[in-house]
C-alpha atoms as a PDB file:
ATOM      1  CA  MET A   1       2.781  -8.257 -10.875  1.00  0.00           C
ATOM      2  CA  THR A   2       4.843 -10.738 -12.829  1.00  0.00           C
ATOM      3  CA  ARG A   3       3.948 -11.652 -16.401  1.00  0.00           C
ATOM      4  CA  GLN A   4       2.394 -14.881 -15.176  1.00  0.00           C
ATOM      5  CA  ASP A   5       0.348 -12.996 -12.589  1.00  0.00           C
ATOM      6  CA  ARG A   6      -0.930 -10.596 -15.262  1.00  0.00           C
ATOM      7  CA  ILE A   7      -2.006 -13.521 -17.435  1.00  0.00           C
ATOM      8  CA  ARG A   8      -3.820 -15.074 -14.486  1.00  0.00           C
ATOM      9  CA  PHE A   9      -5.428 -11.762 -13.572  1.00  0.00           C
ATOM     10  CA  GLU A  10      -6.743 -11.335 -17.111  1.00  0.00           C
ATOM     11  CA  MET A  11      -8.235 -14.822 -16.835  1.00  0.00           C
ATOM     12  CA  PHE A  12      -9.947 -13.813 -13.579  1.00  0.00           C
ATOM     13  CA  CYS A  13     -11.465 -10.828 -15.377  1.00  0.00           C
ATOM     14  CA  ASN A  14     -12.645 -13.016 -18.274  1.00  0.00           C
ATOM     15  CA  VAL A  15     -14.329 -15.399 -15.836  1.00  0.00           C
ATOM     16  CA  SER A  16     -15.949 -12.462 -14.065  1.00  0.00           C
ATOM     17  CA  ARG A  17     -17.327 -11.166 -17.387  1.00  0.00           C
ATOM     18  CA  PHE A  18     -18.671 -14.635 -18.138  1.00  0.00           C
ATOM     19  CA  GLY A  19     -20.416 -14.632 -14.768  1.00  0.00           C
ATOM     20  CA  SER A  20     -22.000 -11.268 -15.505  1.00  0.00           C
ATOM     21  CA  ALA A  21     -23.194 -12.431 -18.920  1.00  0.00           C
ATOM     22  CA  GLU A  22     -24.670 -15.623 -17.416  1.00  0.00           C
ATOM     23  CA  ALA A  23     -26.057 -14.036 -14.246  1.00  0.00           C
ATOM     24  CA  ASP A  24     -29.528 -15.462 -14.897  1.00  0.00           C
ATOM     25  CA  ARG A  25     -28.118 -18.982 -14.653  1.00  0.00           C
ATOM     26  CA  PHE A  26     -26.088 -18.246 -11.541  1.00  0.00           C
ATOM     27  CA  PRO A  27     -28.060 -15.897  -9.209  1.00  0.00           C
ATOM     28  CA  GLY A  28     -26.246 -14.211  -6.356  1.00  0.00           C
ATOM     29  CA  THR A  29     -27.767 -16.497  -3.736  1.00  0.00           C
ATOM     30  CA  SER A  30     -26.535 -19.653  -5.457  1.00  0.00           C
ATOM     31  CA  THR A  31     -23.216 -21.374  -4.756  1.00  0.00           C
ATOM     32  CA  ALA A  32     -21.835 -20.229  -8.109  1.00  0.00           C
ATOM     33  CA  GLY A  33     -23.199 -16.709  -7.628  1.00  0.00           C
ATOM     34  CA  LYS A  34     -21.408 -16.417  -4.299  1.00  0.00           C
ATOM     35  CA  ALA A  35     -18.202 -17.737  -5.879  1.00  0.00           C
ATOM     36  CA  PHE A  36     -18.447 -15.167  -8.690  1.00  0.00           C
ATOM     37  CA  ALA A  37     -18.896 -12.455  -6.029  1.00  0.00           C
ATOM     38  CA  GLU A  38     -15.831 -13.738  -4.180  1.00  0.00           C
ATOM     39  CA  LEU A  39     -13.853 -13.657  -7.412  1.00  0.00           C
ATOM     40  CA  ASP A  40     -14.989 -10.086  -8.132  1.00  0.00           C
ATOM     41  CA  ALA A  41     -13.865  -8.998  -4.646  1.00  0.00           C
ATOM     42  CA  ALA A  42     -10.471 -10.605  -5.232  1.00  0.00           C
ATOM     43  CA  ILE A  43     -10.116  -8.752  -8.554  1.00  0.00           C
ATOM     44  CA  VAL A  44     -10.826  -5.424  -6.832  1.00  0.00           C
ATOM     45  CA  ALA A  45      -8.253  -6.225  -4.134  1.00  0.00           C
ATOM     46  CA  ILE A  46      -5.584  -7.141  -6.705  1.00  0.00           C
ATOM     47  CA  ARG A  47      -6.143  -3.864  -8.562  1.00  0.00           C
ATOM     48  CA  GLU A  48      -5.883  -1.853  -5.348  1.00  0.00           C
ATOM     49  CA  HIS A  49      -2.668  -3.579  -4.313  1.00  0.00           C
ATOM     50  CA  ALA A  50      -1.213  -3.057  -7.788  1.00  0.00           C
ATOM     51  CA  LEU A  51      -1.448   0.713  -7.284  1.00  0.00           C
ATOM     52  CA  ALA A  52       0.988   0.440  -4.361  1.00  0.00           C
ATOM     53  CA  LEU A  53       3.488  -1.220  -6.706  1.00  0.00           C
ATOM     54  CA  GLY A  54       3.056   1.230  -9.580  1.00  0.00           C
ATOM     55  CA  PRO A  55       5.275   3.842 -11.308  1.00  0.00           C
ATOM     56  CA  LYS A  56       4.865   6.433  -8.520  1.00  0.00           C
ATOM     57  CA  VAL A  57       6.952   4.215  -6.254  1.00  0.00           C
ATOM     58  CA  LYS A  58       9.716   4.056  -8.872  1.00  0.00           C
ATOM     59  CA  ALA A  59       9.638   7.851  -9.216  1.00  0.00           C
ATOM     60  CA  ARG A  60      10.069   8.286  -5.469  1.00  0.00           C
ATOM     61  CA  HIS A  61      12.972   5.816  -5.514  1.00  0.00           C
ATOM     62  CA  SER A  62      14.594   7.959  -8.204  1.00  0.00           C
ATOM     63  CA  ARG A  63      14.167  11.108  -6.081  1.00  0.00           C
ATOM     64  CA  LYS A  64      15.790   9.373  -3.110  1.00  0.00           C
ATOM     65  CA  ALA A  65      18.762   8.384  -5.268  1.00  0.00           C
ATOM     66  CA  LYS A  66      19.151  11.963  -6.501  1.00  0.00           C
ATOM     67  CA  THR A  67      19.003  13.523  -3.025  1.00  0.00           C
ATOM     68  CA  ARG A  68      21.498  10.944  -1.763  1.00  0.00           C
ATOM     69  CA  ALA A  69      23.871  11.784  -4.618  1.00  0.00           C
ATOM     70  CA  VAL A  70      23.648  15.487  -3.716  1.00  0.00           C
ATOM     71  CA  LEU A  71      24.361  14.778  -0.053  1.00  0.00           C
ATOM     72  CA  VAL A  72      27.256  12.424  -0.837  1.00  0.00           C
ATOM     73  CA  GLU A  73      28.758  15.151  -3.020  1.00  0.00           C
ATOM     74  CA  TRP A  74      28.431  17.576  -0.111  1.00  0.00           C
ATOM     75  CA  LEU A  75      30.146  15.099   2.209  1.00  0.00           C
ATOM     76  CA  GLY A  76      32.971  14.581  -0.268  1.00  0.00           C
ATOM     77  CA  THR A  77      33.531  18.325  -0.577  1.00  0.00           C
ATOM     78  CA  LEU A  78      33.455  18.955   3.171  1.00  0.00           C
ATOM     79  CA  VAL A  79      35.699  15.978   3.926  1.00  0.00           C
ATOM     80  CA  ARG A  80      38.299  17.100   1.381  1.00  0.00           C
ATOM     81  CA  THR A  81      38.174  20.655   2.692  1.00  0.00           C
ATOM     82  CA  GLY A  82      38.255  19.533   6.326  1.00  0.00           C
ATOM     83  CA  ARG A  83      41.262  17.303   5.730  1.00  0.00           C
ATOM     84  CA  GLU A  84      43.157  20.194   4.155  1.00  0.00           C
ATOM     85  CA  ILE A  85      42.208  22.468   7.053  1.00  0.00           C
ATOM     86  CA  ASP A  86      43.442  19.734   9.390  1.00  0.00           C
ATOM     87  CA  ARG A  87      46.708  19.466   7.476  1.00  0.00           C
ATOM     88  CA  VAL A  88      47.380  23.184   7.540  1.00  0.00           C
ATOM     89  CA  GLY A  89      46.323  23.376  11.182  1.00  0.00           C
ATOM     90  CA  PRO A  90      45.293  23.845  13.761  1.00  0.00           C
ATOM     91  CA  PRO A  91      43.408  20.502  13.468  1.00  0.00           C
ATOM     92  CA  ILE A  92      39.642  20.429  13.738  1.00  0.00           C
ATOM     93  CA  GLY A  93      39.112  16.771  14.713  1.00  0.00           C
ATOM     94  CA  GLU A  94      38.618  13.376  13.123  1.00  0.00           C
ATOM     95  CA  MET A  95      35.100  13.825  11.826  1.00  0.00           C
ATOM     96  CA  PHE A  96      36.366  14.844   8.388  1.00  0.00           C
ATOM     97  CA  ARG A  97      38.426  11.750   7.768  1.00  0.00           C
ATOM     98  CA  HIS A  98      37.545   9.773   4.655  1.00  0.00           C
ATOM     99  CA  ALA A  99      34.784   7.172   5.053  1.00  0.00           C
ATOM    100  CA  PRO A 100      34.035   4.280   2.656  1.00  0.00           C
ATOM    101  CA  ASP A 101      30.711   3.891   0.861  1.00  0.00           C
ATOM    102  CA  GLN A 102      27.953   3.597   3.417  1.00  0.00           C
ATOM    103  CA  SER A 103      24.294   2.655   3.682  1.00  0.00           C
ATOM    104  CA  ASP A 104      21.623   5.330   3.351  1.00  0.00           C
ATOM    105  CA  ALA A 105      21.165   5.488   7.134  1.00  0.00           C
ATOM    106  CA  ALA A 106      24.917   5.760   7.709  1.00  0.00           C
ATOM    107  CA  VAL A 107      25.268   8.559   5.147  1.00  0.00           C
ATOM    108  CA  LEU A 108      22.459  10.504   6.796  1.00  0.00           C
ATOM    109  CA  SER A 109      23.837   9.950  10.293  1.00  0.00           C
ATOM    110  CA  ARG A 110      27.326  11.076   9.289  1.00  0.00           C
ATOM    111  CA  ALA A 111      25.990  14.171   7.550  1.00  0.00           C
ATOM    112  CA  GLN A 112      23.939  15.119  10.611  1.00  0.00           C
ATOM    113  CA  GLN A 113      26.983  14.626  12.852  1.00  0.00           C
ATOM    114  CA  ILE A 114      29.127  16.873  10.679  1.00  0.00           C
ATOM    115  CA  LEU A 115      26.383  19.510  10.585  1.00  0.00           C
ATOM    116  CA  ARG A 116      26.245  19.574  14.392  1.00  0.00           C
ATOM    117  CA  ASN A 117      30.018  20.035  14.664  1.00  0.00           C
ATOM    118  CA  ILE A 118      30.768  22.312  11.766  1.00  0.00           C
ATOM    119  CA  ALA A 119      29.188  25.558  12.999  1.00  0.00           C
ATOM    120  CA  PRO A 120      32.057  26.517  15.363  1.00  0.00           C
ATOM    121  CA  VAL A 121      34.598  26.175  12.540  1.00  0.00           C
ATOM    122  CA  ALA A 122      32.438  27.400   9.662  1.00  0.00           C
ATOM    123  CA  ASP A 123      34.608  30.482   9.150  1.00  0.00           C
ATOM    124  CA  ARG A 124      37.618  28.286   8.443  1.00  0.00           C
ATOM    125  CA  PHE A 125      35.680  26.483   5.695  1.00  0.00           C
ATOM    126  CA  VAL A 126      34.659  29.825   4.228  1.00  0.00           C
ATOM    127  CA  ALA A 127      38.328  30.791   4.211  1.00  0.00           C
ATOM    128  CA  PHE A 128      38.987  27.706   2.091  1.00  0.00           C
ATOM    129  CA  GLY A 129      36.453  28.683  -0.539  1.00  0.00           C
ATOM    130  CA  GLN A 130      33.099  27.560   0.814  1.00  0.00           C
ATOM    131  CA  PRO A 131      30.273  30.141   0.389  1.00  0.00           C
ATOM    132  CA  ASP A 132      28.981  31.992   3.444  1.00  0.00           C
ATOM    133  CA  THR A 133      25.712  30.023   3.175  1.00  0.00           C
ATOM    134  CA  PHE A 134      27.323  26.585   2.976  1.00  0.00           C
ATOM    135  CA  VAL A 135      26.096  25.448   6.421  1.00  0.00           C
ATOM    136  CA  ALA A 136      22.484  26.317   5.563  1.00  0.00           C
ATOM    137  CA  ASP A 137      22.849  24.788   2.087  1.00  0.00           C
ATOM    138  CA  PHE A 138      24.289  21.612   3.601  1.00  0.00           C
ATOM    139  CA  ALA A 139      21.361  21.451   6.043  1.00  0.00           C
ATOM    140  CA  VAL A 140      18.891  21.722   3.135  1.00  0.00           C
ATOM    141  CA  ALA A 141      20.586  18.777   1.408  1.00  0.00           C
ATOM    142  CA  ILE A 142      20.368  16.746   4.619  1.00  0.00           C
ATOM    143  CA  ASP A 143      16.676  17.543   5.098  1.00  0.00           C
ATOM    144  CA  ALA A 144      15.878  16.618   1.470  1.00  0.00           C
ATOM    145  CA  PHE A 145      17.566  13.229   1.764  1.00  0.00           C
ATOM    146  CA  ASP A 146      16.036  12.596   5.190  1.00  0.00           C
ATOM    147  CA  HIS A 147      12.573  13.286   3.748  1.00  0.00           C
ATOM    148  CA  GLU A 148      13.056  10.936   0.785  1.00  0.00           C
ATOM    149  CA  LEU A 149      14.572   8.262   3.014  1.00  0.00           C
ATOM    150  CA  ARG A 150      11.500   8.351   5.244  1.00  0.00           C
ATOM    151  CA  ARG A 151       9.254   8.147   2.211  1.00  0.00           C
ATOM    152  CA  ALA A 152      11.297   5.208   0.903  1.00  0.00           C
ATOM    153  CA  THR A 153      10.806   3.392   4.204  1.00  0.00           C
ATOM    154  CA  GLU A 154       7.064   4.031   4.014  1.00  0.00           C
ATOM    155  CA  ASP A 155       7.040   2.795   0.413  1.00  0.00           C
ATOM    156  CA  TYR A 156       8.915  -0.354   1.388  1.00  0.00           C
ATOM    157  CA  LEU A 157       6.355  -1.133   4.082  1.00  0.00           C
ATOM    158  CA  ALA A 158       3.517  -0.375   1.655  1.00  0.00           C
ATOM    159  CA  ARG A 159       5.033  -2.630  -1.024  1.00  0.00           C
ATOM    160  CA  THR A 160       5.501  -5.434   1.470  1.00  0.00           C
ATOM    161  CA  LYS A 161       1.875  -5.103   2.547  1.00  0.00           C
ATOM    162  CA  ALA A 162       0.739  -4.944  -1.095  1.00  0.00           C
ATOM    163  CA  ARG A 163       2.665  -8.088  -2.039  1.00  0.00           C
ATOM    164  CA  THR A 164       1.194  -9.946   0.914  1.00  0.00           C
ATOM    165  CA  GLY A 165      -2.279  -8.670   0.043  1.00  0.00           C
ATOM    166  CA  THR A 166      -1.847  -9.585  -3.625  1.00  0.00           C
ATOM    167  CA  LYS A 167      -0.812 -13.114  -2.715  1.00  0.00           C
ATOM    168  CA  ALA A 168      -3.874 -13.471  -0.472  1.00  0.00           C
ATOM    169  CA  ALA A 169      -6.169 -12.051  -3.165  1.00  0.00           C
ATOM    170  CA  PHE A 170      -4.837 -14.485  -5.770  1.00  0.00           C
ATOM    171  CA  ALA A 171      -5.436 -17.354  -3.341  1.00  0.00           C
ATOM    172  CA  ARG A 172      -8.969 -16.065  -2.779  1.00  0.00           C
ATOM    173  CA  ALA A 173      -9.573 -15.907  -6.531  1.00  0.00           C
ATOM    174  CA  PHE A 174      -8.337 -19.453  -7.110  1.00  0.00           C
ATOM    175  CA  HIS A 175     -10.475 -20.679  -4.221  1.00  0.00           C
ATOM    176  CA  ALA A 176     -13.516 -19.238  -5.993  1.00  0.00           C
ATOM    177  CA  LEU A 177     -12.424 -20.724  -9.329  1.00  0.00           C
ATOM    178  CA  HIS A 178     -12.190 -24.217  -7.872  1.00  0.00           C
ATOM    179  CA  THR A 179     -15.835 -23.938  -6.814  1.00  0.00           C
ATOM    180  CA  LEU A 180     -16.866 -22.481 -10.163  1.00  0.00           C
ATOM    181  CA  ASP A 181     -15.096 -25.198 -12.151  1.00  0.00           C
ATOM    182  CA  VAL A 182     -17.282 -27.793 -10.434  1.00  0.00           C
ATOM    183  CA  VAL A 183     -20.602 -25.941 -10.309  1.00  0.00           C
ATOM    184  CA  VAL A 184     -20.481 -24.290 -13.737  1.00  0.00           C
ATOM    185  CA  GLY A 185     -19.294 -27.541 -15.289  1.00  0.00           C
ATOM    186  CA  ASN A 186     -22.243 -29.372 -13.777  1.00  0.00           C
ATOM    187  CA  VAL A 187     -24.819 -26.748 -14.766  1.00  0.00           C
ATOM    188  CA  LEU A 188     -23.607 -26.391 -18.359  1.00  0.00           C
ATOM    189  CA  LYS A 189     -22.573 -29.957 -19.128  1.00  0.00           C
ATOM    190  CA  HIS A 190     -25.397 -30.403 -21.656  1.00  0.00           C
ATOM    191  CA  GLU A 191     -25.113 -26.908 -23.167  1.00  0.00           C
ATOM    192  CA  ASP A 192     -22.193 -27.034 -25.556  1.00  0.00           C
ATOM    193  CA  THR A 193     -22.169 -23.353 -26.585  1.00  0.00           C
ATOM    194  CA  ALA A 194     -22.265 -22.031 -23.028  1.00  0.00           C
ATOM    195  CA  LEU A 195     -19.702 -24.597 -21.900  1.00  0.00           C
ATOM    196  CA  ILE A 196     -17.323 -23.525 -24.656  1.00  0.00           C
ATOM    197  CA  GLY A 197     -17.731 -19.930 -23.469  1.00  0.00           C
ATOM    198  CA  TRP A 198     -16.856 -20.993 -19.930  1.00  0.00           C
ATOM    199  CA  LYS A 199     -13.768 -22.892 -21.045  1.00  0.00           C
ATOM    200  CA  ASP A 200     -12.666 -19.939 -23.168  1.00  0.00           C
ATOM    201  CA  SER A 201     -12.923 -17.638 -20.145  1.00  0.00           C
ATOM    202  CA  ARG A 202     -10.726 -20.038 -18.135  1.00  0.00           C
ATOM    203  CA  ARG A 203      -7.934 -20.079 -20.724  1.00  0.00           C
ATOM    204  CA  LEU A 204      -4.597 -18.512 -19.770  1.00  0.00           C
ATOM    205  CA  VAL A 205      -4.043 -16.390 -22.872  1.00  0.00           C
ATOM    206  CA  GLY A 206      -0.396 -15.611 -23.580  1.00  0.00           C
ATOM    207  CA  ARG A 207       1.069 -18.374 -21.416  1.00  0.00           C
ATOM    208  CA  ARG A 208       4.414 -19.546 -22.709  1.00  0.00           C
ATOM    209  CA  ARG A 209       4.749 -23.172 -23.591  1.00  0.00           C
ATOM    210  CA  SER A 210       7.667 -25.150 -22.241  1.00  0.00           C
ATOM    211  CA  ALA A 211      10.552 -25.888 -24.614  1.00  0.00           C
ATOM    212  CA  LYS A 212       9.683 -29.598 -24.505  1.00  0.00           C
ATOM    213  CA  ARG A 213       6.029 -28.970 -25.433  1.00  0.00           C
ATOM    214  CA  ALA A 214       7.051 -26.581 -28.223  1.00  0.00           C
ATOM    215  CA  ALA A 215       9.489 -29.146 -29.623  1.00  0.00           C
ATOM    216  CA  THR A 216       6.822 -31.857 -29.494  1.00  0.00           C
ATOM    217  CA  ALA A 217       4.389 -29.606 -31.355  1.00  0.00           C
ATOM    218  CA  ALA A 218       7.028 -28.826 -33.983  1.00  0.00           C
ATOM    219  CA  ASP A 219       7.783 -32.552 -34.477  1.00  0.00           C
ATOM    220  CA  THR A 220       4.071 -33.292 -34.842  1.00  0.00           C
ATOM    221  CA  THR A 221       3.696 -30.561 -37.470  1.00  0.00           C
ATOM    222  CA  THR A 222       6.736 -31.810 -39.393  1.00  0.00           C
ATOM    223  CA  THR A 223       5.405 -35.382 -39.360  1.00  0.00           C
ATOM    224  CA  ALA A 224       2.013 -34.203 -40.584  1.00  0.00           C
ATOM    225  CA  ILE A 225       3.603 -32.288 -43.461  1.00  0.00           C
ATOM    226  CA  THR A 226       5.728 -35.281 -44.430  1.00  0.00           C
ATOM    227  CA  VAL A 227       2.725 -37.625 -44.427  1.00  0.00           C
ATOM    228  CA  THR A 228       0.753 -35.159 -46.544  1.00  0.00           C
ATOM    229  CA  ARG A 229       3.515 -34.968 -49.122  1.00  0.00           C
ATOM    230  CA  ILE A 230       3.761 -38.765 -49.334  1.00  0.00           C
END
């Protein structure tokens, strides 16, 4: 969530707590009671969607980047070695020619292509310093990146769904608040203490003021100080 969303979410929670504290005034069967229940459901949904956008997703993104780096290093080594084998001869084909930076899918596809074609000439790579296990080691690097790439795709779809769900949940919460603003205001209009509590729960705590509003406030304060001194 953005900073503004977090401020709004905290306000939702404050309103929900107010509803719980004033449950006797707003029973579940009443219009306000149903709106409080709708708000509570929206809060639960926002929390659930937030989990799909949490630190675990960032950790998986980091693992994908690391496995890609390992595979790209493998490709660089095999391409350099293959080009030298090609130069010395006899040539082994064009698959080891240098390729520019590529997308994740292109890197994986190229690595898989090289793996399929390298077995018949593996001994020549070993002769140029590659370990006897290099084909198997290369395959492990490919599988690791393929796994993380699939997970990244799943995470992307989950994040997209979570963002859509979060947006819908916020809309649901504001829909409930519009009803509550009217009903609670009507019920508490002659009860100053309770009405103050309601207004406090609806405040957006931590919201930044615009530069124009801040400047206006500063001018007002300066004027007040000047008048006091006079």
